[in-house]
Amino acid sequence: AKTADDMISRGEFAVYTAKMYHIGENLESDKIYFTDIDTDSAYMSSIHFLVESGVVSLDDERCFRPNETITGYEAVKMMAAITGYGAYAMNKGGYPLGYLSAARSSGIIDGSFSDHPLNFYEAVKLIADTLMAPTYEMVGFSENSIRYSAAENKTLLENNFKIAFEEGKVTDINCFAFSGNSVDDGQFRMNGNV
Protein backbone atom coordinates (compact mmCIF):
# COMPACT_ATOMS: atom_id res chain seq x y z
CA ALA A 1 0.00 0.00 0.00
CA LYS A 2 1.15 3.51 -0.76
CA THR A 3 1.87 6.08 1.92
CA ALA A 4 1.33 9.82 1.49
CA ASP A 5 5.02 10.49 0.77
CA ASP A 6 5.56 7.66 -1.76
CA MET A 7 6.37 8.88 -5.25
CA ILE A 8 4.00 8.07 -8.13
CA SER A 9 5.28 6.75 -11.45
CA ARG A 10 4.01 8.01 -14.78
CA GLY A 11 2.52 4.55 -15.42
CA GLU A 12 0.69 4.47 -12.09
CA PHE A 13 -0.71 7.95 -12.66
CA ALA A 14 -1.89 6.89 -16.12
CA VAL A 15 -3.82 3.99 -14.54
CA TYR A 16 -5.41 6.35 -11.97
CA THR A 17 -6.31 8.79 -14.75
CA ALA A 18 -7.90 6.09 -16.92
CA LYS A 19 -9.97 4.98 -13.93
CA MET A 20 -11.43 8.49 -13.82
CA TYR A 21 -13.19 7.44 -17.03
CA HIS A 22 -14.36 4.29 -15.24
CA ILE A 23 -11.97 2.31 -17.46
CA GLY A 24 -10.34 -0.85 -16.16
CA GLU A 25 -6.84 -2.11 -16.79
CA ASN A 26 -7.80 -4.83 -19.27
CA LEU A 27 -8.68 -2.88 -22.38
CA GLU A 28 -7.97 -4.59 -25.67
CA SER A 29 -5.61 -2.72 -27.97
CA ASP A 30 -3.48 -4.03 -30.78
CA LYS A 31 -1.64 -0.75 -31.36
CA ILE A 32 1.82 -0.04 -30.01
CA TYR A 33 2.15 3.68 -29.25
CA PHE A 34 5.29 3.65 -27.12
CA THR A 35 8.39 1.53 -27.56
CA ASP A 36 9.21 1.40 -23.82
CA ILE A 37 5.96 -0.25 -22.67
CA ASP A 38 5.85 -4.04 -22.79
CA THR A 39 2.67 -5.58 -24.17
CA ASP A 40 2.15 -7.38 -20.85
CA SER A 41 2.68 -4.23 -18.76
CA ALA A 42 0.00 -3.39 -16.19
CA TYR A 43 0.08 0.15 -17.57
CA MET A 44 -0.28 -0.59 -21.29
CA SER A 45 -4.06 -0.57 -21.74
CA SER A 46 -4.55 2.55 -19.60
CA ILE A 47 -1.83 4.46 -21.44
CA HIS A 48 -3.22 3.38 -24.81
CA PHE A 49 -6.71 4.49 -23.81
CA LEU A 50 -5.32 7.89 -22.77
CA VAL A 51 -3.45 8.26 -26.08
CA GLU A 52 -6.60 7.40 -28.04
CA SER A 53 -8.58 9.88 -25.91
CA GLY A 54 -6.09 12.70 -26.52
CA VAL A 55 -5.06 12.90 -22.86
CA VAL A 56 -1.52 11.64 -23.50
CA SER A 57 0.49 12.94 -26.44
CA LEU A 58 2.98 11.02 -28.54
CA ASP A 59 6.48 12.45 -28.81
CA ASP A 60 8.99 11.87 -31.60
CA GLU A 61 10.91 9.33 -29.51
CA ARG A 62 7.70 7.39 -28.75
CA CYS A 63 8.86 6.84 -25.17
CA PHE A 64 6.45 7.15 -22.25
CA ARG A 65 8.93 6.38 -19.44
CA PRO A 66 6.29 4.58 -17.33
CA ASN A 67 8.60 3.86 -14.39
CA GLU A 68 9.83 7.44 -13.94
CA THR A 69 8.23 9.58 -11.26
CA ILE A 70 5.54 11.86 -12.69
CA THR A 71 6.06 15.58 -12.22
CA GLY A 72 3.45 18.12 -11.25
CA TYR A 73 3.34 19.67 -14.73
CA GLU A 74 2.92 16.28 -16.41
CA ALA A 75 0.08 15.35 -14.05
CA VAL A 76 -1.65 18.72 -14.48
CA LYS A 77 -1.43 18.32 -18.27
CA MET A 78 -3.26 14.98 -18.03
CA MET A 79 -5.90 16.37 -15.64
CA ALA A 80 -6.61 19.42 -17.83
CA ALA A 81 -6.84 17.22 -20.92
CA ILE A 82 -9.15 14.65 -19.31
CA THR A 83 -11.63 17.39 -18.37
CA GLY A 84 -11.71 18.70 -21.94
CA TYR A 85 -9.43 21.73 -21.53
CA GLY A 86 -6.88 20.58 -24.16
CA ALA A 87 -7.96 23.09 -26.84
CA TYR A 88 -8.11 25.88 -24.24
CA ALA A 89 -4.60 24.96 -23.06
CA MET A 90 -3.22 24.97 -26.60
CA ASN A 91 -4.69 28.46 -27.16
CA LYS A 92 -2.93 29.59 -23.97
CA GLY A 93 0.48 28.34 -25.10
CA GLY A 94 0.37 24.56 -24.77
CA TYR A 95 2.62 22.61 -22.44
CA PRO A 96 3.23 23.52 -19.67
CA LEU A 97 1.93 27.09 -19.23
CA GLY A 98 -1.28 26.66 -21.21
CA TYR A 99 -2.22 23.56 -19.23
CA LEU A 100 -1.42 25.30 -15.94
CA SER A 101 -3.65 28.19 -17.03
CA ALA A 102 -6.44 25.76 -17.96
CA ALA A 103 -6.11 23.93 -14.64
CA ARG A 104 -6.24 27.20 -12.71
CA SER A 105 -9.29 28.50 -14.58
CA SER A 106 -11.15 25.22 -14.02
CA GLY A 107 -10.30 25.03 -10.31
CA ILE A 108 -8.12 21.91 -10.63
CA ILE A 109 -5.23 23.84 -9.06
CA ASP A 110 -5.05 27.18 -7.34
CA GLY A 111 -2.22 29.64 -7.07
CA SER A 112 1.27 28.57 -8.01
CA PHE A 113 2.07 24.99 -8.89
CA SER A 114 5.65 23.76 -9.18
CA ASP A 115 7.10 21.11 -11.41
CA HIS A 116 8.33 18.73 -8.76
CA PRO A 117 8.06 14.93 -8.44
CA LEU A 118 4.52 14.15 -7.31
CA ASN A 119 3.92 12.07 -4.20
CA PHE A 120 0.86 9.92 -3.53
CA TYR A 121 -0.90 12.55 -1.39
CA GLU A 122 -0.46 15.25 -4.05
CA ALA A 123 -1.63 12.87 -6.79
CA VAL A 124 -4.79 11.92 -4.88
CA LYS A 125 -5.59 15.58 -4.15
CA LEU A 126 -5.07 16.53 -7.80
CA ILE A 127 -7.34 13.68 -8.94
CA ALA A 128 -10.04 14.58 -6.38
CA ASP A 129 -9.96 18.24 -7.43
CA THR A 130 -10.15 17.21 -11.09
CA LEU A 131 -13.14 14.93 -10.50
CA MET A 132 -15.04 17.91 -9.07
CA ALA A 133 -13.91 20.52 -11.64
CA PRO A 134 -16.31 21.61 -14.38
CA THR A 135 -15.71 19.94 -17.72
CA TYR A 136 -14.96 22.06 -20.78
CA GLU A 137 -17.18 21.38 -23.76
CA MET A 138 -17.73 22.58 -27.29
CA VAL A 139 -20.84 24.79 -27.34
CA GLY A 140 -20.80 25.93 -30.94
CA PHE A 141 -18.83 26.32 -34.10
CA SER A 142 -18.74 28.34 -37.25
CA GLU A 143 -16.71 28.23 -40.44
CA ASN A 144 -13.74 29.93 -38.76
CA SER A 145 -13.95 28.99 -35.09
CA ILE A 146 -15.06 26.60 -32.40
CA ARG A 147 -16.53 27.90 -29.13
CA TYR A 148 -15.95 26.10 -25.83
CA SER A 149 -17.35 26.79 -22.40
CA ALA A 150 -16.99 25.45 -18.88
CA ALA A 151 -20.02 23.31 -18.03
CA GLU A 152 -20.58 24.44 -14.44
CA ASN A 153 -22.99 21.62 -13.60
CA LYS A 154 -21.01 18.83 -15.28
CA THR A 155 -18.01 17.15 -13.69
CA LEU A 156 -16.17 13.87 -14.32
CA LEU A 157 -17.52 12.67 -10.98
CA GLU A 158 -21.09 13.19 -12.18
CA ASN A 159 -20.58 12.26 -15.84
CA ASN A 160 -18.59 9.07 -15.26
CA PHE A 161 -19.69 7.86 -11.81
CA LYS A 162 -23.19 9.40 -11.50
CA ILE A 163 -22.19 11.07 -8.21
CA ALA A 164 -23.26 14.66 -7.65
CA PHE A 165 -21.35 16.82 -5.19
CA GLU A 166 -23.42 18.99 -2.93
CA GLU A 167 -22.62 20.84 0.25
CA GLY A 168 -25.19 20.98 2.97
CA LYS A 169 -26.44 19.84 6.33
CA VAL A 170 -27.55 16.25 6.85
CA THR A 171 -30.52 16.22 9.22
CA ASP A 172 -31.80 12.62 9.03
CA ILE A 173 -30.15 9.25 8.37
CA ASN A 174 -32.17 5.99 8.40
CA CYS A 175 -33.43 5.65 11.98
CA PHE A 176 -31.80 8.86 13.24
CA ALA A 177 -34.35 11.60 12.62
CA PHE A 178 -32.66 14.69 13.99
CA SER A 179 -35.26 16.98 12.43
CA GLY A 180 -38.16 14.80 13.49
CA ASN A 181 -38.81 13.51 9.96
CA SER A 182 -37.87 9.88 9.39
CA VAL A 183 -36.39 8.52 6.15
CA ASP A 184 -36.30 4.98 4.76
CA ASP A 185 -33.33 2.64 5.16
CA GLY A 186 -30.47 3.58 2.86
CA GLN A 187 -31.65 7.19 2.55
CA PHE A 188 -30.73 10.48 4.14
CA ARG A 189 -32.09 14.01 4.18
CA MET A 190 -29.80 16.92 3.32
CA ASN A 191 -30.92 20.52 2.93
CA GLY A 192 -34.50 19.30 3.29
CA ASN A 193 -34.23 16.84 0.37
CA VAL A 194 -34.25 13.03 0.58
C-alpha atoms as a PDB file:
ATOM      1  CA  ALA A   1       0.000   0.000   0.000  1.00  0.00           C
ATOM      2  CA  LYS A   2       1.146   3.515  -0.764  1.00  0.00           C
ATOM      3  CA  THR A   3       1.869   6.078   1.924  1.00  0.00           C
ATOM      4  CA  ALA A   4       1.330   9.817   1.492  1.00  0.00           C
ATOM      5  CA  ASP A   5       5.022  10.485   0.770  1.00  0.00           C
ATOM      6  CA  ASP A   6       5.555   7.665  -1.759  1.00  0.00           C
ATOM      7  CA  MET A   7       6.374   8.881  -5.247  1.00  0.00           C
ATOM      8  CA  ILE A   8       3.997   8.071  -8.132  1.00  0.00           C
ATOM      9  CA  SER A   9       5.277   6.747 -11.448  1.00  0.00           C
ATOM     10  CA  ARG A  10       4.006   8.008 -14.777  1.00  0.00           C
ATOM     11  CA  GLY A  11       2.523   4.554 -15.421  1.00  0.00           C
ATOM     12  CA  GLU A  12       0.691   4.472 -12.088  1.00  0.00           C
ATOM     13  CA  PHE A  13      -0.710   7.948 -12.663  1.00  0.00           C
ATOM     14  CA  ALA A  14      -1.892   6.886 -16.122  1.00  0.00           C
ATOM     15  CA  VAL A  15      -3.816   3.990 -14.537  1.00  0.00           C
ATOM     16  CA  TYR A  16      -5.408   6.347 -11.972  1.00  0.00           C
ATOM     17  CA  THR A  17      -6.310   8.792 -14.751  1.00  0.00           C
ATOM     18  CA  ALA A  18      -7.901   6.087 -16.923  1.00  0.00           C
ATOM     19  CA  LYS A  19      -9.966   4.981 -13.928  1.00  0.00           C
ATOM     20  CA  MET A  20     -11.433   8.488 -13.824  1.00  0.00           C
ATOM     21  CA  TYR A  21     -13.187   7.445 -17.029  1.00  0.00           C
ATOM     22  CA  HIS A  22     -14.357   4.292 -15.240  1.00  0.00           C
ATOM     23  CA  ILE A  23     -11.975   2.311 -17.463  1.00  0.00           C
ATOM     24  CA  GLY A  24     -10.338  -0.846 -16.157  1.00  0.00           C
ATOM     25  CA  GLU A  25      -6.838  -2.107 -16.787  1.00  0.00           C
ATOM     26  CA  ASN A  26      -7.801  -4.835 -19.271  1.00  0.00           C
ATOM     27  CA  LEU A  27      -8.679  -2.885 -22.384  1.00  0.00           C
ATOM     28  CA  GLU A  28      -7.971  -4.593 -25.673  1.00  0.00           C
ATOM     29  CA  SER A  29      -5.614  -2.721 -27.975  1.00  0.00           C
ATOM     30  CA  ASP A  30      -3.480  -4.031 -30.781  1.00  0.00           C
ATOM     31  CA  LYS A  31      -1.635  -0.750 -31.361  1.00  0.00           C
ATOM     32  CA  ILE A  32       1.822  -0.039 -30.006  1.00  0.00           C
ATOM     33  CA  TYR A  33       2.154   3.683 -29.255  1.00  0.00           C
ATOM     34  CA  PHE A  34       5.291   3.655 -27.115  1.00  0.00           C
ATOM     35  CA  THR A  35       8.395   1.535 -27.556  1.00  0.00           C
ATOM     36  CA  ASP A  36       9.205   1.402 -23.823  1.00  0.00           C
ATOM     37  CA  ILE A  37       5.961  -0.253 -22.666  1.00  0.00           C
ATOM     38  CA  ASP A  38       5.849  -4.039 -22.793  1.00  0.00           C
ATOM     39  CA  THR A  39       2.669  -5.580 -24.170  1.00  0.00           C
ATOM     40  CA  ASP A  40       2.149  -7.378 -20.851  1.00  0.00           C
ATOM     41  CA  SER A  41       2.676  -4.233 -18.760  1.00  0.00           C
ATOM     42  CA  ALA A  42      -0.005  -3.392 -16.194  1.00  0.00           C
ATOM     43  CA  TYR A  43       0.078   0.153 -17.574  1.00  0.00           C
ATOM     44  CA  MET A  44      -0.280  -0.585 -21.286  1.00  0.00           C
ATOM     45  CA  SER A  45      -4.060  -0.571 -21.738  1.00  0.00           C
ATOM     46  CA  SER A  46      -4.552   2.552 -19.599  1.00  0.00           C
ATOM     47  CA  ILE A  47      -1.835   4.457 -21.441  1.00  0.00           C
ATOM     48  CA  HIS A  48      -3.215   3.376 -24.813  1.00  0.00           C
ATOM     49  CA  PHE A  49      -6.711   4.494 -23.813  1.00  0.00           C
ATOM     50  CA  LEU A  50      -5.318   7.886 -22.768  1.00  0.00           C
ATOM     51  CA  VAL A  51      -3.449   8.263 -26.080  1.00  0.00           C
ATOM     52  CA  GLU A  52      -6.597   7.403 -28.036  1.00  0.00           C
ATOM     53  CA  SER A  53      -8.579   9.879 -25.907  1.00  0.00           C
ATOM     54  CA  GLY A  54      -6.090  12.695 -26.520  1.00  0.00           C
ATOM     55  CA  VAL A  55      -5.060  12.899 -22.862  1.00  0.00           C
ATOM     56  CA  VAL A  56      -1.520  11.640 -23.502  1.00  0.00           C
ATOM     57  CA  SER A  57       0.492  12.942 -26.444  1.00  0.00           C
ATOM     58  CA  LEU A  58       2.983  11.025 -28.544  1.00  0.00           C
ATOM     59  CA  ASP A  59       6.481  12.450 -28.812  1.00  0.00           C
ATOM     60  CA  ASP A  60       8.995  11.869 -31.597  1.00  0.00           C
ATOM     61  CA  GLU A  61      10.914   9.334 -29.512  1.00  0.00           C
ATOM     62  CA  ARG A  62       7.703   7.393 -28.748  1.00  0.00           C
ATOM     63  CA  CYS A  63       8.861   6.841 -25.168  1.00  0.00           C
ATOM     64  CA  PHE A  64       6.449   7.151 -22.254  1.00  0.00           C
ATOM     65  CA  ARG A  65       8.935   6.379 -19.440  1.00  0.00           C
ATOM     66  CA  PRO A  66       6.288   4.575 -17.328  1.00  0.00           C
ATOM     67  CA  ASN A  67       8.596   3.863 -14.390  1.00  0.00           C
ATOM     68  CA  GLU A  68       9.829   7.436 -13.945  1.00  0.00           C
ATOM     69  CA  THR A  69       8.233   9.585 -11.262  1.00  0.00           C
ATOM     70  CA  ILE A  70       5.544  11.856 -12.688  1.00  0.00           C
ATOM     71  CA  THR A  71       6.058  15.580 -12.221  1.00  0.00           C
ATOM     72  CA  GLY A  72       3.452  18.124 -11.252  1.00  0.00           C
ATOM     73  CA  TYR A  73       3.340  19.672 -14.725  1.00  0.00           C
ATOM     74  CA  GLU A  74       2.923  16.281 -16.408  1.00  0.00           C
ATOM     75  CA  ALA A  75       0.077  15.354 -14.054  1.00  0.00           C
ATOM     76  CA  VAL A  76      -1.650  18.722 -14.485  1.00  0.00           C
ATOM     77  CA  LYS A  77      -1.432  18.319 -18.272  1.00  0.00           C
ATOM     78  CA  MET A  78      -3.261  14.980 -18.025  1.00  0.00           C
ATOM     79  CA  MET A  79      -5.904  16.367 -15.642  1.00  0.00           C
ATOM     80  CA  ALA A  80      -6.607  19.418 -17.826  1.00  0.00           C
ATOM     81  CA  ALA A  81      -6.841  17.224 -20.915  1.00  0.00           C
ATOM     82  CA  ILE A  82      -9.151  14.652 -19.307  1.00  0.00           C
ATOM     83  CA  THR A  83     -11.628  17.392 -18.370  1.00  0.00           C
ATOM     84  CA  GLY A  84     -11.707  18.697 -21.945  1.00  0.00           C
ATOM     85  CA  TYR A  85      -9.430  21.728 -21.532  1.00  0.00           C
ATOM     86  CA  GLY A  86      -6.881  20.584 -24.162  1.00  0.00           C
ATOM     87  CA  ALA A  87      -7.964  23.095 -26.839  1.00  0.00           C
ATOM     88  CA  TYR A  88      -8.111  25.878 -24.236  1.00  0.00           C
ATOM     89  CA  ALA A  89      -4.599  24.958 -23.060  1.00  0.00           C
ATOM     90  CA  MET A  90      -3.218  24.971 -26.602  1.00  0.00           C
ATOM     91  CA  ASN A  91      -4.690  28.459 -27.160  1.00  0.00           C
ATOM     92  CA  LYS A  92      -2.935  29.589 -23.968  1.00  0.00           C
ATOM     93  CA  GLY A  93       0.481  28.344 -25.096  1.00  0.00           C
ATOM     94  CA  GLY A  94       0.373  24.562 -24.775  1.00  0.00           C
ATOM     95  CA  TYR A  95       2.620  22.613 -22.439  1.00  0.00           C
ATOM     96  CA  PRO A  96       3.229  23.516 -19.670  1.00  0.00           C
ATOM     97  CA  LEU A  97       1.934  27.089 -19.227  1.00  0.00           C
ATOM     98  CA  GLY A  98      -1.277  26.661 -21.211  1.00  0.00           C
ATOM     99  CA  TYR A  99      -2.218  23.562 -19.233  1.00  0.00           C
ATOM    100  CA  LEU A 100      -1.423  25.299 -15.940  1.00  0.00           C
ATOM    101  CA  SER A 101      -3.654  28.189 -17.028  1.00  0.00           C
ATOM    102  CA  ALA A 102      -6.437  25.760 -17.957  1.00  0.00           C
ATOM    103  CA  ALA A 103      -6.106  23.927 -14.644  1.00  0.00           C
ATOM    104  CA  ARG A 104      -6.243  27.200 -12.706  1.00  0.00           C
ATOM    105  CA  SER A 105      -9.290  28.500 -14.581  1.00  0.00           C
ATOM    106  CA  SER A 106     -11.150  25.219 -14.019  1.00  0.00           C
ATOM    107  CA  GLY A 107     -10.305  25.028 -10.311  1.00  0.00           C
ATOM    108  CA  ILE A 108      -8.125  21.913 -10.627  1.00  0.00           C
ATOM    109  CA  ILE A 109      -5.233  23.841  -9.063  1.00  0.00           C
ATOM    110  CA  ASP A 110      -5.053  27.176  -7.335  1.00  0.00           C
ATOM    111  CA  GLY A 111      -2.216  29.642  -7.070  1.00  0.00           C
ATOM    112  CA  SER A 112       1.271  28.569  -8.012  1.00  0.00           C
ATOM    113  CA  PHE A 113       2.074  24.989  -8.886  1.00  0.00           C
ATOM    114  CA  SER A 114       5.646  23.763  -9.177  1.00  0.00           C
ATOM    115  CA  ASP A 115       7.101  21.113 -11.415  1.00  0.00           C
ATOM    116  CA  HIS A 116       8.331  18.725  -8.758  1.00  0.00           C
ATOM    117  CA  PRO A 117       8.061  14.934  -8.443  1.00  0.00           C
ATOM    118  CA  LEU A 118       4.519  14.150  -7.306  1.00  0.00           C
ATOM    119  CA  ASN A 119       3.924  12.074  -4.199  1.00  0.00           C
ATOM    120  CA  PHE A 120       0.864   9.924  -3.526  1.00  0.00           C
ATOM    121  CA  TYR A 121      -0.899  12.550  -1.390  1.00  0.00           C
ATOM    122  CA  GLU A 122      -0.456  15.252  -4.050  1.00  0.00           C
ATOM    123  CA  ALA A 123      -1.629  12.871  -6.790  1.00  0.00           C
ATOM    124  CA  VAL A 124      -4.788  11.921  -4.883  1.00  0.00           C
ATOM    125  CA  LYS A 125      -5.585  15.583  -4.146  1.00  0.00           C
ATOM    126  CA  LEU A 126      -5.068  16.528  -7.803  1.00  0.00           C
ATOM    127  CA  ILE A 127      -7.343  13.679  -8.941  1.00  0.00           C
ATOM    128  CA  ALA A 128     -10.040  14.578  -6.382  1.00  0.00           C
ATOM    129  CA  ASP A 129      -9.957  18.244  -7.431  1.00  0.00           C
ATOM    130  CA  THR A 130     -10.147  17.205 -11.088  1.00  0.00           C
ATOM    131  CA  LEU A 131     -13.143  14.928 -10.497  1.00  0.00           C
ATOM    132  CA  MET A 132     -15.037  17.910  -9.072  1.00  0.00           C
ATOM    133  CA  ALA A 133     -13.910  20.522 -11.637  1.00  0.00           C
ATOM    134  CA  PRO A 134     -16.306  21.609 -14.384  1.00  0.00           C
ATOM    135  CA  THR A 135     -15.714  19.936 -17.725  1.00  0.00           C
ATOM    136  CA  TYR A 136     -14.959  22.056 -20.779  1.00  0.00           C
ATOM    137  CA  GLU A 137     -17.177  21.375 -23.763  1.00  0.00           C
ATOM    138  CA  MET A 138     -17.732  22.584 -27.294  1.00  0.00           C
ATOM    139  CA  VAL A 139     -20.837  24.788 -27.340  1.00  0.00           C
ATOM    140  CA  GLY A 140     -20.803  25.931 -30.938  1.00  0.00           C
ATOM    141  CA  PHE A 141     -18.833  26.318 -34.095  1.00  0.00           C
ATOM    142  CA  SER A 142     -18.737  28.345 -37.251  1.00  0.00           C
ATOM    143  CA  GLU A 143     -16.714  28.227 -40.442  1.00  0.00           C
ATOM    144  CA  ASN A 144     -13.743  29.931 -38.759  1.00  0.00           C
ATOM    145  CA  SER A 145     -13.945  28.989 -35.090  1.00  0.00           C
ATOM    146  CA  ILE A 146     -15.062  26.601 -32.396  1.00  0.00           C
ATOM    147  CA  ARG A 147     -16.526  27.898 -29.127  1.00  0.00           C
ATOM    148  CA  TYR A 148     -15.949  26.104 -25.828  1.00  0.00           C
ATOM    149  CA  SER A 149     -17.354  26.790 -22.398  1.00  0.00           C
ATOM    150  CA  ALA A 150     -16.992  25.447 -18.875  1.00  0.00           C
ATOM    151  CA  ALA A 151     -20.018  23.312 -18.031  1.00  0.00           C
ATOM    152  CA  GLU A 152     -20.582  24.435 -14.437  1.00  0.00           C
ATOM    153  CA  ASN A 153     -22.991  21.621 -13.600  1.00  0.00           C
ATOM    154  CA  LYS A 154     -21.011  18.833 -15.276  1.00  0.00           C
ATOM    155  CA  THR A 155     -18.011  17.146 -13.686  1.00  0.00           C
ATOM    156  CA  LEU A 156     -16.174  13.873 -14.316  1.00  0.00           C
ATOM    157  CA  LEU A 157     -17.525  12.666 -10.981  1.00  0.00           C
ATOM    158  CA  GLU A 158     -21.090  13.191 -12.179  1.00  0.00           C
ATOM    159  CA  ASN A 159     -20.583  12.260 -15.842  1.00  0.00           C
ATOM    160  CA  ASN A 160     -18.592   9.066 -15.260  1.00  0.00           C
ATOM    161  CA  PHE A 161     -19.686   7.865 -11.808  1.00  0.00           C
ATOM    162  CA  LYS A 162     -23.191   9.399 -11.497  1.00  0.00           C
ATOM    163  CA  ILE A 163     -22.189  11.067  -8.211  1.00  0.00           C
ATOM    164  CA  ALA A 164     -23.260  14.656  -7.650  1.00  0.00           C
ATOM    165  CA  PHE A 165     -21.353  16.820  -5.193  1.00  0.00           C
ATOM    166  CA  GLU A 166     -23.420  18.988  -2.928  1.00  0.00           C
ATOM    167  CA  GLU A 167     -22.624  20.838   0.247  1.00  0.00           C
ATOM    168  CA  GLY A 168     -25.190  20.982   2.972  1.00  0.00           C
ATOM    169  CA  LYS A 169     -26.444  19.844   6.331  1.00  0.00           C
ATOM    170  CA  VAL A 170     -27.546  16.247   6.853  1.00  0.00           C
ATOM    171  CA  THR A 171     -30.519  16.223   9.224  1.00  0.00           C
ATOM    172  CA  ASP A 172     -31.802  12.624   9.033  1.00  0.00           C
ATOM    173  CA  ILE A 173     -30.149   9.247   8.375  1.00  0.00           C
ATOM    174  CA  ASN A 174     -32.173   5.993   8.400  1.00  0.00           C
ATOM    175  CA  CYS A 175     -33.434   5.648  11.982  1.00  0.00           C
ATOM    176  CA  PHE A 176     -31.804   8.865  13.238  1.00  0.00           C
ATOM    177  CA  ALA A 177     -34.348  11.599  12.622  1.00  0.00           C
ATOM    178  CA  PHE A 178     -32.660  14.689  13.994  1.00  0.00           C
ATOM    179  CA  SER A 179     -35.263  16.982  12.431  1.00  0.00           C
ATOM    180  CA  GLY A 180     -38.157  14.795  13.490  1.00  0.00           C
ATOM    181  CA  ASN A 181     -38.806  13.513   9.963  1.00  0.00           C
ATOM    182  CA  SER A 182     -37.869   9.879   9.389  1.00  0.00           C
ATOM    183  CA  VAL A 183     -36.387   8.521   6.152  1.00  0.00           C
ATOM    184  CA  ASP A 184     -36.303   4.981   4.757  1.00  0.00           C
ATOM    185  CA  ASP A 185     -33.328   2.644   5.158  1.00  0.00           C
ATOM    186  CA  GLY A 186     -30.474   3.579   2.862  1.00  0.00           C
ATOM    187  CA  GLN A 187     -31.645   7.190   2.545  1.00  0.00           C
ATOM    188  CA  PHE A 188     -30.727  10.483   4.140  1.00  0.00           C
ATOM    189  CA  ARG A 189     -32.094  14.015   4.177  1.00  0.00           C
ATOM    190  CA  MET A 190     -29.800  16.921   3.316  1.00  0.00           C
ATOM    191  CA  ASN A 191     -30.917  20.521   2.929  1.00  0.00           C
ATOM    192  CA  GLY A 192     -34.499  19.301   3.294  1.00  0.00           C
ATOM    193  CA  ASN A 193     -34.234  16.844   0.371  1.00  0.00           C
ATOM    194  CA  VAL A 194     -34.246  13.033   0.576  1.00  0.00           C
END
